[in-house]
Amino acid sequence: MQKLKKDDRVIVIAGKDKGKTGAVTRIMDGGRLYVSGINMVKRHTKGNPQMNQPGGIIEKEAPIQASNIAIYNGSTNKADRVGIKELDDGKKVRVFKSTGEQIDG
């Protein structure tokens, strides 16, 4: 079971965007993921008139290492760690380590 999933609310704990929050938009292999509004980079692109694409400087998201991200606990308004707990029926769920409350439904 993965500790971080798509659409999870996360907070950056290291790097240039430290303290910012966002939602996970995409998870890649190798422990990297995309977070909305985090790790924005400027890309200089050449225009392509045949495809009707203008050139210029485009700002887009770059992947960030998962070790620099922590899940955001809304009840404490802080970063938290993720634990995995098995319910009575054998189903595994993710829980916040500090409070023990369930993350997914």
N, C-alpha and C. Protein backbone atom coordinates (compact mmCIF):
# COMPACT_ATOMS: atom_id res chain seq x y z
N MET A 1 0.85 -1.19 0.00
CA MET A 1 0.00 0.00 0.00
C MET A 1 0.89 1.24 0.00
N GLN A 2 0.57 2.17 -0.89
CA GLN A 2 1.35 3.40 -0.98
C GLN A 2 0.97 4.36 0.13
N LYS A 3 1.96 5.10 0.62
CA LYS A 3 1.67 6.06 1.68
C LYS A 3 1.09 7.35 1.14
N LEU A 4 1.47 7.73 -0.09
CA LEU A 4 0.90 8.92 -0.73
C LEU A 4 0.16 8.49 -1.98
N LYS A 5 -1.01 9.07 -2.19
CA LYS A 5 -1.82 8.74 -3.35
C LYS A 5 -2.23 10.01 -4.07
N LYS A 6 -2.77 9.86 -5.27
CA LYS A 6 -3.24 11.00 -6.05
C LYS A 6 -4.34 11.73 -5.29
N ASP A 7 -4.36 13.05 -5.39
CA ASP A 7 -5.32 13.95 -4.74
C ASP A 7 -5.12 14.08 -3.23
N ASP A 8 -4.04 13.53 -2.67
CA ASP A 8 -3.73 13.74 -1.26
C ASP A 8 -3.27 15.17 -1.05
N ARG A 9 -3.65 15.77 0.05
CA ARG A 9 -3.20 17.12 0.41
C ARG A 9 -1.84 16.96 1.10
N VAL A 10 -0.80 17.59 0.54
CA VAL A 10 0.55 17.44 1.08
C VAL A 10 1.18 18.80 1.35
N ILE A 11 2.24 18.79 2.16
CA ILE A 11 3.00 20.00 2.48
C ILE A 11 4.47 19.73 2.18
N VAL A 12 5.16 20.73 1.68
CA VAL A 12 6.58 20.59 1.35
C VAL A 12 7.38 20.82 2.63
N ILE A 13 8.28 19.89 2.96
CA ILE A 13 9.06 20.00 4.19
C ILE A 13 10.51 20.37 3.94
N ALA A 14 10.95 20.39 2.65
CA ALA A 14 12.33 20.76 2.33
C ALA A 14 12.38 21.32 0.92
N GLY A 15 13.28 22.26 0.70
CA GLY A 15 13.48 22.82 -0.63
C GLY A 15 13.00 24.25 -0.73
N LYS A 16 12.97 24.76 -1.97
CA LYS A 16 12.65 26.17 -2.19
C LYS A 16 11.19 26.51 -1.88
N ASP A 17 10.30 25.53 -1.92
CA ASP A 17 8.87 25.76 -1.65
C ASP A 17 8.47 25.29 -0.26
N LYS A 18 9.40 25.24 0.67
CA LYS A 18 9.12 24.73 2.02
C LYS A 18 7.96 25.49 2.66
N GLY A 19 7.01 24.72 3.21
CA GLY A 19 5.86 25.31 3.89
C GLY A 19 4.63 25.43 3.01
N LYS A 20 4.77 25.30 1.69
CA LYS A 20 3.62 25.40 0.79
C LYS A 20 2.85 24.09 0.75
N THR A 21 1.54 24.18 0.51
CA THR A 21 0.72 22.99 0.41
C THR A 21 0.12 22.88 -0.98
N GLY A 22 -0.25 21.67 -1.34
CA GLY A 22 -0.87 21.42 -2.64
C GLY A 22 -1.38 19.99 -2.68
N ALA A 23 -1.99 19.64 -3.80
CA ALA A 23 -2.53 18.29 -3.98
C ALA A 23 -1.65 17.52 -4.95
N VAL A 24 -1.47 16.24 -4.69
CA VAL A 24 -0.68 15.38 -5.57
C VAL A 24 -1.47 15.18 -6.86
N THR A 25 -0.84 15.50 -8.01
CA THR A 25 -1.53 15.36 -9.28
C THR A 25 -1.09 14.11 -10.04
N ARG A 26 0.16 13.70 -9.86
CA ARG A 26 0.67 12.55 -10.59
C ARG A 26 1.81 11.92 -9.82
N ILE A 27 1.87 10.59 -9.79
CA ILE A 27 2.96 9.87 -9.12
C ILE A 27 3.76 9.13 -10.17
N MET A 28 5.08 9.33 -10.14
CA MET A 28 5.96 8.69 -11.11
C MET A 28 6.76 7.58 -10.43
N ASP A 29 7.39 6.75 -11.26
CA ASP A 29 8.30 5.74 -10.73
C ASP A 29 9.55 6.43 -10.20
N GLY A 30 10.24 5.81 -9.28
CA GLY A 30 11.47 6.36 -8.76
C GLY A 30 11.28 7.32 -7.60
N GLY A 31 10.09 7.35 -7.01
CA GLY A 31 9.85 8.17 -5.83
C GLY A 31 9.70 9.65 -6.10
N ARG A 32 9.25 10.02 -7.29
CA ARG A 32 9.01 11.43 -7.60
C ARG A 32 7.53 11.62 -7.88
N LEU A 33 7.04 12.83 -7.59
CA LEU A 33 5.63 13.12 -7.83
C LEU A 33 5.42 14.58 -8.16
N TYR A 34 4.29 14.86 -8.80
CA TYR A 34 3.90 16.22 -9.17
C TYR A 34 2.89 16.72 -8.14
N VAL A 35 3.10 17.95 -7.67
CA VAL A 35 2.17 18.58 -6.72
C VAL A 35 1.71 19.89 -7.34
N SER A 36 0.42 20.16 -7.28
CA SER A 36 -0.12 21.36 -7.93
C SER A 36 0.44 22.63 -7.30
N GLY A 37 1.03 23.49 -8.14
CA GLY A 37 1.57 24.77 -7.70
C GLY A 37 2.91 24.70 -7.01
N ILE A 38 3.54 23.54 -6.97
CA ILE A 38 4.82 23.37 -6.27
C ILE A 38 5.90 23.05 -7.29
N ASN A 39 7.12 23.56 -7.06
CA ASN A 39 8.30 23.32 -7.88
C ASN A 39 8.05 23.79 -9.32
N MET A 40 7.59 25.02 -9.44
CA MET A 40 7.33 25.61 -10.76
C MET A 40 8.66 25.99 -11.42
N VAL A 41 8.80 25.63 -12.69
CA VAL A 41 9.99 25.96 -13.47
C VAL A 41 9.58 26.68 -14.74
N LYS A 42 10.49 27.49 -15.27
CA LYS A 42 10.22 28.21 -16.52
C LYS A 42 10.86 27.44 -17.67
N ARG A 43 10.07 27.20 -18.69
CA ARG A 43 10.53 26.46 -19.86
C ARG A 43 10.47 27.39 -21.07
N HIS A 44 11.62 27.57 -21.74
CA HIS A 44 11.68 28.41 -22.93
C HIS A 44 11.37 27.54 -24.14
N THR A 45 10.26 27.82 -24.81
CA THR A 45 9.84 26.99 -25.92
C THR A 45 9.85 27.79 -27.22
N LYS A 46 10.14 27.09 -28.29
CA LYS A 46 10.13 27.68 -29.62
C LYS A 46 8.73 27.49 -30.21
N GLY A 47 8.22 28.49 -30.88
CA GLY A 47 6.90 28.41 -31.47
C GLY A 47 6.84 27.43 -32.62
N ASN A 48 5.65 26.86 -32.85
CA ASN A 48 5.42 25.94 -33.96
C ASN A 48 4.18 26.42 -34.72
N PRO A 49 4.38 27.17 -35.81
CA PRO A 49 3.23 27.72 -36.53
C PRO A 49 2.33 26.66 -37.15
N GLN A 50 2.86 25.49 -37.50
CA GLN A 50 2.04 24.44 -38.10
C GLN A 50 1.03 23.88 -37.11
N MET A 51 1.41 23.79 -35.84
CA MET A 51 0.49 23.30 -34.81
C MET A 51 -0.18 24.44 -34.06
N ASN A 52 0.05 25.68 -34.54
CA ASN A 52 -0.56 26.87 -33.94
C ASN A 52 -0.16 27.05 -32.47
N GLN A 53 1.11 26.75 -32.15
CA GLN A 53 1.62 26.91 -30.79
C GLN A 53 2.52 28.13 -30.74
N PRO A 54 2.23 29.07 -29.85
CA PRO A 54 3.12 30.22 -29.73
C PRO A 54 4.39 29.87 -28.94
N GLY A 55 5.45 30.60 -29.21
CA GLY A 55 6.67 30.41 -28.46
C GLY A 55 6.67 31.32 -27.24
N GLY A 56 7.66 31.19 -26.41
CA GLY A 56 7.78 32.05 -25.25
C GLY A 56 8.20 31.29 -24.02
N ILE A 57 8.02 31.92 -22.89
CA ILE A 57 8.40 31.31 -21.61
C ILE A 57 7.14 30.75 -20.96
N ILE A 58 7.14 29.46 -20.74
CA ILE A 58 6.00 28.77 -20.15
C ILE A 58 6.39 28.32 -18.75
N GLU A 59 5.53 28.58 -17.78
CA GLU A 59 5.79 28.13 -16.41
C GLU A 59 4.99 26.86 -16.16
N LYS A 60 5.68 25.81 -15.73
CA LYS A 60 5.00 24.54 -15.50
C LYS A 60 5.58 23.85 -14.27
N GLU A 61 4.87 22.82 -13.81
CA GLU A 61 5.30 22.08 -12.63
C GLU A 61 6.36 21.05 -13.01
N ALA A 62 7.31 20.86 -12.11
CA ALA A 62 8.33 19.83 -12.27
C ALA A 62 8.15 18.83 -11.14
N PRO A 63 8.59 17.59 -11.34
CA PRO A 63 8.43 16.61 -10.26
C PRO A 63 9.31 16.94 -9.06
N ILE A 64 8.86 16.52 -7.90
CA ILE A 64 9.61 16.74 -6.66
C ILE A 64 9.79 15.40 -5.97
N GLN A 65 10.89 15.25 -5.28
CA GLN A 65 11.19 13.99 -4.59
C GLN A 65 10.20 13.76 -3.45
N ALA A 66 9.73 12.55 -3.31
CA ALA A 66 8.72 12.23 -2.31
C ALA A 66 9.24 12.40 -0.87
N SER A 67 10.57 12.34 -0.70
CA SER A 67 11.13 12.51 0.64
C SER A 67 11.03 13.96 1.11
N ASN A 68 10.79 14.90 0.18
CA ASN A 68 10.63 16.31 0.54
C ASN A 68 9.17 16.69 0.78
N ILE A 69 8.30 15.72 0.79
CA ILE A 69 6.86 15.93 0.93
C ILE A 69 6.35 15.15 2.14
N ALA A 70 5.41 15.73 2.86
CA ALA A 70 4.73 15.01 3.94
C ALA A 70 3.24 15.25 3.79
N ILE A 71 2.44 14.31 4.23
CA ILE A 71 0.99 14.46 4.14
C ILE A 71 0.55 15.54 5.13
N TYR A 72 -0.47 16.31 4.73
CA TYR A 72 -0.94 17.44 5.54
C TYR A 72 -2.12 16.99 6.38
N ASN A 73 -2.00 17.18 7.69
CA ASN A 73 -3.07 16.82 8.62
C ASN A 73 -3.91 18.07 8.87
N GLY A 74 -5.14 18.09 8.39
CA GLY A 74 -6.00 19.25 8.49
C GLY A 74 -6.44 19.56 9.91
N SER A 75 -6.51 18.55 10.78
CA SER A 75 -6.97 18.81 12.15
C SER A 75 -5.89 19.50 12.99
N THR A 76 -4.61 19.20 12.72
CA THR A 76 -3.53 19.84 13.47
C THR A 76 -2.85 20.95 12.68
N ASN A 77 -3.17 21.07 11.37
CA ASN A 77 -2.56 22.06 10.47
C ASN A 77 -1.04 21.91 10.40
N LYS A 78 -0.56 20.68 10.43
CA LYS A 78 0.87 20.40 10.37
C LYS A 78 1.14 19.21 9.45
N ALA A 79 2.42 19.01 9.16
CA ALA A 79 2.84 17.82 8.42
C ALA A 79 2.73 16.61 9.35
N ASP A 80 2.46 15.46 8.77
CA ASP A 80 2.30 14.25 9.57
C ASP A 80 2.90 13.06 8.82
N ARG A 81 3.10 11.98 9.55
CA ARG A 81 3.56 10.74 8.94
C ARG A 81 2.37 9.82 8.73
N VAL A 82 2.54 8.87 7.83
CA VAL A 82 1.46 7.96 7.48
C VAL A 82 1.76 6.58 8.03
N GLY A 83 0.77 6.00 8.71
CA GLY A 83 0.88 4.63 9.17
C GLY A 83 -0.20 3.80 8.50
N ILE A 84 -0.03 2.49 8.52
CA ILE A 84 -1.01 1.60 7.93
C ILE A 84 -1.58 0.72 9.03
N LYS A 85 -2.91 0.68 9.10
CA LYS A 85 -3.60 -0.05 10.15
C LYS A 85 -4.55 -1.05 9.50
N GLU A 86 -4.63 -2.23 10.06
CA GLU A 86 -5.54 -3.24 9.52
C GLU A 86 -6.82 -3.24 10.36
N LEU A 87 -7.94 -3.12 9.68
CA LEU A 87 -9.24 -3.12 10.36
C LEU A 87 -9.65 -4.55 10.71
N ASP A 88 -10.75 -4.68 11.46
CA ASP A 88 -11.23 -5.99 11.90
C ASP A 88 -11.59 -6.90 10.72
N ASP A 89 -12.09 -6.31 9.64
CA ASP A 89 -12.48 -7.12 8.48
C ASP A 89 -11.29 -7.47 7.57
N GLY A 90 -10.08 -7.08 7.95
CA GLY A 90 -8.88 -7.40 7.18
C GLY A 90 -8.47 -6.35 6.18
N LYS A 91 -9.26 -5.28 6.06
CA LYS A 91 -8.95 -4.21 5.12
C LYS A 91 -7.87 -3.30 5.72
N LYS A 92 -6.90 -2.89 4.88
CA LYS A 92 -5.84 -2.00 5.35
C LYS A 92 -6.21 -0.56 5.01
N VAL A 93 -6.00 0.34 5.95
CA VAL A 93 -6.28 1.76 5.74
C VAL A 93 -5.08 2.58 6.20
N ARG A 94 -4.96 3.79 5.65
CA ARG A 94 -3.89 4.70 6.05
C ARG A 94 -4.39 5.56 7.21
N VAL A 95 -3.51 5.81 8.18
CA VAL A 95 -3.87 6.63 9.34
C VAL A 95 -2.75 7.64 9.59
N PHE A 96 -3.11 8.77 10.23
CA PHE A 96 -2.12 9.73 10.67
C PHE A 96 -1.43 9.16 11.90
N LYS A 97 -0.09 9.24 11.95
CA LYS A 97 0.66 8.69 13.08
C LYS A 97 0.41 9.48 14.37
N SER A 98 0.24 10.81 14.28
CA SER A 98 0.13 11.61 15.49
C SER A 98 -1.23 11.45 16.16
N THR A 99 -2.30 11.41 15.39
CA THR A 99 -3.65 11.36 15.97
C THR A 99 -4.28 9.99 15.87
N GLY A 100 -3.84 9.16 14.93
CA GLY A 100 -4.42 7.84 14.75
C GLY A 100 -5.71 7.84 13.94
N GLU A 101 -6.13 9.03 13.45
CA GLU A 101 -7.37 9.05 12.67
C GLU A 101 -7.13 8.60 11.25
N GLN A 102 -8.17 8.06 10.64
CA GLN A 102 -8.09 7.46 9.32
C GLN A 102 -8.00 8.51 8.23
N ILE A 103 -7.15 8.27 7.22
CA ILE A 103 -7.01 9.19 6.11
C ILE A 103 -8.04 8.90 5.04
N ASP A 104 -8.08 7.65 4.55
CA ASP A 104 -9.08 7.33 3.52
C ASP A 104 -10.31 6.69 4.15
N GLY A 105 -11.39 6.77 3.39
CA GLY A 105 -12.67 6.26 3.88
C GLY A 105 -12.92 4.84 3.64
